[in-house]
N, C-alpha and C. Protein backbone atom coordinates (compact mmCIF):
# COMPACT_ATOMS: atom_id res chain seq x y z
N MET A 1 0.81 -1.19 0.00
CA MET A 1 0.00 0.00 0.00
C MET A 1 0.85 1.26 0.00
N THR A 2 1.99 1.16 0.60
CA THR A 2 2.82 2.37 0.67
C THR A 2 3.36 2.74 -0.70
N LYS A 3 3.63 1.73 -1.52
CA LYS A 3 4.14 2.03 -2.86
C LYS A 3 3.09 2.76 -3.69
N ASP A 4 1.83 2.37 -3.56
CA ASP A 4 0.77 3.03 -4.33
C ASP A 4 0.61 4.48 -3.89
N ASN A 5 0.72 4.73 -2.59
CA ASN A 5 0.58 6.10 -2.11
C ASN A 5 1.75 6.97 -2.59
N SER A 6 2.93 6.39 -2.64
CA SER A 6 4.09 7.19 -3.07
C SER A 6 4.01 7.49 -4.57
N THR A 7 3.51 6.55 -5.37
CA THR A 7 3.38 6.82 -6.80
C THR A 7 2.29 7.83 -7.07
N GLN A 8 1.24 7.81 -6.28
CA GLN A 8 0.17 8.79 -6.48
C GLN A 8 0.67 10.19 -6.14
N SER A 9 1.49 10.30 -5.12
CA SER A 9 2.00 11.62 -4.77
C SER A 9 2.99 12.12 -5.82
N LYS A 10 3.72 11.20 -6.46
CA LYS A 10 4.65 11.62 -7.51
C LYS A 10 3.89 12.12 -8.73
N HIS A 11 2.79 11.50 -9.07
CA HIS A 11 2.02 11.92 -10.23
C HIS A 11 1.35 13.26 -10.02
N LYS A 12 1.10 13.63 -8.80
CA LYS A 12 0.46 14.92 -8.53
C LYS A 12 1.42 16.07 -8.78
N GLU A 13 2.70 15.80 -8.84
CA GLU A 13 3.67 16.87 -9.07
C GLU A 13 3.65 17.35 -10.51
N PHE A 14 3.19 16.54 -11.44
CA PHE A 14 3.24 16.87 -12.86
C PHE A 14 1.89 17.37 -13.37
N VAL A 15 1.29 18.25 -12.65
CA VAL A 15 0.01 18.83 -13.05
C VAL A 15 0.31 20.04 -13.95
N MET A 16 -0.44 20.16 -15.05
CA MET A 16 -0.23 21.27 -15.97
C MET A 16 -0.76 22.56 -15.36
N THR A 17 -0.03 23.60 -15.56
CA THR A 17 -0.45 24.90 -15.07
C THR A 17 -0.94 25.74 -16.25
N ASN A 18 -1.47 26.90 -15.96
CA ASN A 18 -1.98 27.77 -17.01
C ASN A 18 -0.85 28.30 -17.89
N SER A 19 0.34 28.44 -17.35
CA SER A 19 1.44 28.98 -18.15
C SER A 19 1.83 28.03 -19.27
N THR A 20 1.71 26.71 -19.07
CA THR A 20 2.04 25.78 -20.14
C THR A 20 0.95 25.73 -21.20
N LEU A 21 -0.27 26.11 -20.86
CA LEU A 21 -1.35 26.10 -21.83
C LEU A 21 -1.27 27.28 -22.79
N SER A 22 -0.54 28.31 -22.46
CA SER A 22 -0.46 29.47 -23.34
C SER A 22 0.52 29.26 -24.50
N ILE A 23 1.38 28.27 -24.42
CA ILE A 23 2.34 28.01 -25.49
C ILE A 23 1.64 27.54 -26.77
N PRO A 24 0.67 26.60 -26.72
CA PRO A 24 0.00 26.22 -27.96
C PRO A 24 -0.77 27.38 -28.60
N ASN A 25 -1.32 28.29 -27.81
CA ASN A 25 -2.01 29.43 -28.38
C ASN A 25 -1.04 30.30 -29.16
N PHE A 26 0.15 30.48 -28.65
CA PHE A 26 1.17 31.25 -29.37
C PHE A 26 1.55 30.52 -30.65
N GLY A 27 1.64 29.20 -30.60
CA GLY A 27 1.97 28.42 -31.78
C GLY A 27 0.88 28.54 -32.84
N LEU A 28 -0.37 28.52 -32.44
CA LEU A 28 -1.48 28.66 -33.37
C LEU A 28 -1.46 30.03 -34.03
N MET A 29 -1.18 31.05 -33.26
CA MET A 29 -1.13 32.41 -33.81
C MET A 29 0.03 32.54 -34.80
N SER A 30 1.16 31.94 -34.49
CA SER A 30 2.30 32.03 -35.41
C SER A 30 2.04 31.25 -36.69
N VAL A 31 1.32 30.13 -36.61
CA VAL A 31 0.98 29.37 -37.81
C VAL A 31 0.02 30.17 -38.68
N ILE A 32 -0.95 30.82 -38.08
CA ILE A 32 -1.89 31.65 -38.84
C ILE A 32 -1.16 32.82 -39.50
N ALA A 33 -0.26 33.44 -38.77
CA ALA A 33 0.51 34.55 -39.33
C ALA A 33 1.38 34.07 -40.48
N LEU A 34 1.98 32.90 -40.35
CA LEU A 34 2.80 32.34 -41.42
C LEU A 34 1.95 32.04 -42.66
N MET A 35 0.74 31.53 -42.46
CA MET A 35 -0.15 31.24 -43.58
C MET A 35 -0.54 32.52 -44.31
N VAL A 36 -0.77 33.60 -43.58
CA VAL A 36 -1.12 34.88 -44.20
C VAL A 36 0.07 35.41 -45.01
N ILE A 37 1.26 35.30 -44.46
CA ILE A 37 2.47 35.77 -45.17
C ILE A 37 2.67 34.97 -46.45
N VAL A 38 2.49 33.66 -46.38
CA VAL A 38 2.67 32.82 -47.57
C VAL A 38 1.60 33.15 -48.62
N ALA A 39 0.36 33.38 -48.19
CA ALA A 39 -0.71 33.71 -49.14
C ALA A 39 -0.42 35.02 -49.85
N VAL A 40 0.07 36.00 -49.13
CA VAL A 40 0.40 37.29 -49.75
C VAL A 40 1.61 37.15 -50.67
N ALA A 41 2.58 36.37 -50.26
CA ALA A 41 3.79 36.20 -51.07
C ALA A 41 3.49 35.43 -52.35
N VAL A 42 2.59 34.47 -52.30
CA VAL A 42 2.25 33.70 -53.49
C VAL A 42 1.43 34.54 -54.46
N ALA A 43 0.54 35.38 -53.96
CA ALA A 43 -0.31 36.19 -54.82
C ALA A 43 0.45 37.37 -55.41
N ASN A 44 1.52 37.78 -54.83
CA ASN A 44 2.24 38.97 -55.27
C ASN A 44 2.92 38.82 -56.63
N PRO A 45 3.55 37.69 -56.98
CA PRO A 45 4.22 37.60 -58.28
C PRO A 45 3.28 37.66 -59.48
N VAL A 46 1.98 37.59 -59.27
CA VAL A 46 1.04 37.66 -60.38
C VAL A 46 1.18 38.99 -61.09
N HIS A 47 1.51 40.02 -60.38
CA HIS A 47 1.61 41.36 -60.95
C HIS A 47 3.01 41.66 -61.48
N ALA A 48 3.91 40.71 -61.41
CA ALA A 48 5.29 40.95 -61.84
C ALA A 48 5.39 40.87 -63.36
N ALA A 49 6.39 41.51 -63.91
CA ALA A 49 6.64 41.47 -65.35
C ALA A 49 7.27 40.14 -65.73
N ASP A 50 6.98 39.68 -66.93
CA ASP A 50 7.55 38.42 -67.41
C ASP A 50 8.98 38.67 -67.87
N LEU A 51 9.92 38.10 -67.14
CA LEU A 51 11.34 38.31 -67.44
C LEU A 51 11.83 37.47 -68.61
N PHE A 52 11.09 36.43 -68.96
CA PHE A 52 11.56 35.49 -69.98
C PHE A 52 10.80 35.61 -71.29
N THR A 53 10.24 36.77 -71.61
CA THR A 53 9.49 36.91 -72.86
C THR A 53 10.39 36.70 -74.06
N ASN A 54 11.57 37.25 -74.04
CA ASN A 54 12.48 37.09 -75.18
C ASN A 54 13.03 35.67 -75.29
N ALA A 55 13.16 35.01 -74.17
CA ALA A 55 13.75 33.67 -74.19
C ALA A 55 12.75 32.58 -74.57
N LYS A 56 11.45 32.88 -74.49
CA LYS A 56 10.46 31.85 -74.80
C LYS A 56 10.55 31.37 -76.24
N THR A 57 10.79 32.26 -77.16
CA THR A 57 10.91 31.83 -78.55
C THR A 57 12.15 30.98 -78.76
N ASP A 58 13.23 31.33 -78.08
CA ASP A 58 14.45 30.52 -78.18
C ASP A 58 14.22 29.11 -77.63
N ILE A 59 13.52 29.03 -76.51
CA ILE A 59 13.25 27.73 -75.90
C ILE A 59 12.35 26.90 -76.80
N LYS A 60 11.32 27.52 -77.38
CA LYS A 60 10.41 26.79 -78.27
C LYS A 60 11.14 26.32 -79.53
N ASP A 61 12.07 27.15 -80.05
CA ASP A 61 12.83 26.74 -81.22
C ASP A 61 13.80 25.61 -80.90
N THR A 62 14.33 25.62 -79.69
CA THR A 62 15.32 24.62 -79.31
C THR A 62 14.68 23.29 -78.94
N ALA A 63 13.59 23.32 -78.14
CA ALA A 63 13.01 22.08 -77.63
C ALA A 63 11.56 21.88 -78.04
N GLY A 64 11.05 22.69 -78.94
CA GLY A 64 9.65 22.57 -79.34
C GLY A 64 9.41 21.44 -80.31
N THR A 65 8.22 21.44 -80.92
CA THR A 65 7.83 20.39 -81.84
C THR A 65 8.70 20.44 -83.10
N GLY A 66 9.26 19.29 -83.49
CA GLY A 66 10.09 19.20 -84.67
C GLY A 66 11.52 19.68 -84.47
N SER A 67 11.92 19.94 -83.25
CA SER A 67 13.27 20.44 -82.99
C SER A 67 14.26 19.29 -82.88
N ALA A 68 15.53 19.66 -82.82
CA ALA A 68 16.59 18.65 -82.68
C ALA A 68 16.53 17.96 -81.33
N VAL A 69 16.12 18.70 -80.32
CA VAL A 69 16.03 18.09 -78.98
C VAL A 69 14.94 17.02 -78.96
N GLU A 70 13.81 17.30 -79.58
CA GLU A 70 12.73 16.31 -79.62
C GLU A 70 13.17 15.07 -80.41
N MET A 71 13.84 15.28 -81.53
CA MET A 71 14.30 14.15 -82.32
C MET A 71 15.34 13.33 -81.56
N ALA A 72 16.22 14.01 -80.83
CA ALA A 72 17.23 13.29 -80.05
C ALA A 72 16.59 12.48 -78.93
N LEU A 73 15.59 13.05 -78.26
CA LEU A 73 14.91 12.31 -77.19
C LEU A 73 14.21 11.07 -77.75
N LEU A 74 13.53 11.24 -78.87
CA LEU A 74 12.85 10.08 -79.47
C LEU A 74 13.85 9.05 -79.98
N ALA A 75 14.96 9.51 -80.55
CA ALA A 75 15.98 8.58 -81.05
C ALA A 75 16.62 7.80 -79.91
N PHE A 76 16.99 8.51 -78.83
CA PHE A 76 17.59 7.81 -77.69
C PHE A 76 16.58 6.88 -77.02
N GLY A 77 15.32 7.27 -77.00
CA GLY A 77 14.28 6.38 -76.46
C GLY A 77 14.14 5.13 -77.30
N GLY A 78 14.18 5.29 -78.63
CA GLY A 78 14.09 4.12 -79.52
C GLY A 78 15.30 3.22 -79.40
N ILE A 79 16.48 3.82 -79.33
CA ILE A 79 17.71 3.03 -79.16
C ILE A 79 17.70 2.30 -77.82
N GLY A 80 17.24 2.99 -76.79
CA GLY A 80 17.13 2.35 -75.47
C GLY A 80 16.13 1.21 -75.47
N ALA A 81 15.01 1.39 -76.18
CA ALA A 81 14.01 0.32 -76.25
C ALA A 81 14.56 -0.89 -77.00
N ILE A 82 15.28 -0.64 -78.10
CA ILE A 82 15.87 -1.75 -78.86
C ILE A 82 16.92 -2.48 -78.01
N ALA A 83 17.76 -1.72 -77.31
CA ALA A 83 18.78 -2.34 -76.45
C ALA A 83 18.13 -3.13 -75.33
N PHE A 84 17.08 -2.58 -74.73
CA PHE A 84 16.38 -3.29 -73.66
C PHE A 84 15.73 -4.56 -74.20
N GLY A 85 15.15 -4.47 -75.40
CA GLY A 85 14.51 -5.64 -75.99
C GLY A 85 15.51 -6.76 -76.28
N PHE A 86 16.69 -6.40 -76.82
CA PHE A 86 17.71 -7.42 -77.11
C PHE A 86 18.28 -8.03 -75.83
N MET A 87 18.51 -7.20 -74.84
CA MET A 87 19.16 -7.71 -73.61
C MET A 87 18.20 -8.53 -72.75
N SER A 88 16.96 -8.12 -72.66
CA SER A 88 16.06 -8.81 -71.75
C SER A 88 15.12 -9.79 -72.46
N LYS A 89 15.08 -9.73 -73.78
CA LYS A 89 14.15 -10.53 -74.58
C LYS A 89 12.70 -10.24 -74.20
N ASN A 90 12.48 -9.07 -73.65
CA ASN A 90 11.13 -8.63 -73.28
C ASN A 90 10.73 -7.52 -74.24
N TRP A 91 10.33 -7.91 -75.45
CA TRP A 91 10.02 -6.92 -76.48
C TRP A 91 8.74 -6.17 -76.16
N ILE A 92 7.81 -6.82 -75.49
CA ILE A 92 6.56 -6.13 -75.13
C ILE A 92 6.87 -5.00 -74.15
N GLY A 93 7.73 -5.26 -73.18
CA GLY A 93 8.12 -4.22 -72.23
C GLY A 93 8.89 -3.10 -72.90
N ALA A 94 9.75 -3.43 -73.86
CA ALA A 94 10.54 -2.42 -74.56
C ALA A 94 9.66 -1.52 -75.41
N ILE A 95 8.74 -2.13 -76.16
CA ILE A 95 7.84 -1.34 -77.01
C ILE A 95 6.89 -0.51 -76.15
N THR A 96 6.41 -1.09 -75.06
CA THR A 96 5.52 -0.36 -74.15
C THR A 96 6.26 0.81 -73.52
N GLY A 97 7.49 0.60 -73.11
CA GLY A 97 8.28 1.69 -72.52
C GLY A 97 8.50 2.83 -73.49
N PHE A 98 8.80 2.49 -74.75
CA PHE A 98 8.99 3.53 -75.76
C PHE A 98 7.68 4.27 -76.02
N ALA A 99 6.57 3.53 -76.10
CA ALA A 99 5.27 4.16 -76.35
C ALA A 99 4.87 5.08 -75.19
N VAL A 100 5.14 4.66 -73.98
CA VAL A 100 4.84 5.50 -72.82
C VAL A 100 5.69 6.77 -72.83
N GLY A 101 6.94 6.64 -73.23
CA GLY A 101 7.82 7.81 -73.33
C GLY A 101 7.32 8.80 -74.37
N VAL A 102 6.88 8.28 -75.52
CA VAL A 102 6.36 9.15 -76.58
C VAL A 102 5.07 9.82 -76.12
N LEU A 103 4.19 9.06 -75.48
CA LEU A 103 2.94 9.65 -74.96
C LEU A 103 3.23 10.71 -73.91
N PHE A 104 4.17 10.43 -73.03
CA PHE A 104 4.53 11.42 -72.01
C PHE A 104 5.05 12.69 -72.66
N TRP A 105 5.90 12.56 -73.67
CA TRP A 105 6.44 13.74 -74.35
C TRP A 105 5.32 14.54 -75.02
N ASN A 106 4.39 13.85 -75.68
CA ASN A 106 3.30 14.54 -76.37
C ASN A 106 2.29 15.16 -75.41
N ILE A 107 2.16 14.63 -74.22
CA ILE A 107 1.23 15.20 -73.24
C ILE A 107 1.87 16.34 -72.49
N ILE A 108 3.14 16.22 -72.14
CA ILE A 108 3.78 17.22 -71.28
C ILE A 108 4.21 18.48 -72.04
N THR A 109 4.54 18.36 -73.33
CA THR A 109 5.01 19.55 -74.05
C THR A 109 3.96 20.64 -74.15
N PRO A 110 2.68 20.37 -74.42
CA PRO A 110 1.71 21.47 -74.40
C PRO A 110 1.50 22.06 -73.00
N MET A 111 1.68 21.22 -71.98
CA MET A 111 1.49 21.72 -70.61
C MET A 111 2.55 22.72 -70.22
N ILE A 112 3.76 22.53 -70.69
CA ILE A 112 4.83 23.47 -70.34
C ILE A 112 5.03 24.55 -71.40
N GLY A 113 4.18 24.50 -72.45
CA GLY A 113 4.20 25.58 -73.43
C GLY A 113 5.17 25.40 -74.58
N LEU A 114 5.50 24.19 -74.93
CA LEU A 114 6.41 23.96 -76.07
C LEU A 114 5.62 23.64 -77.33
């Protein structure tokens, strides 16, 4: 019985006070303030000038449809598919991998503006 009484008295020492409860409130306020700062910072660049207007045509000429970069990507993808097919004897996987690469290229280029 004495052990139970001593453990109960030890647990009474760790009672939360009001001063420890104010720390989460400060944390909540700082999180809200951080969210407001991020929202303002994200919305602010909308009004900025486009710094890459002159470079967009260069990028489209270099990596756009029918460019050397596109042909090189498709050529290396085809060579990789042929090499994979010969080495693994998994021609279905090689052709599927090449087809997925071509589909990815055709889907992603309009999304990034090429």
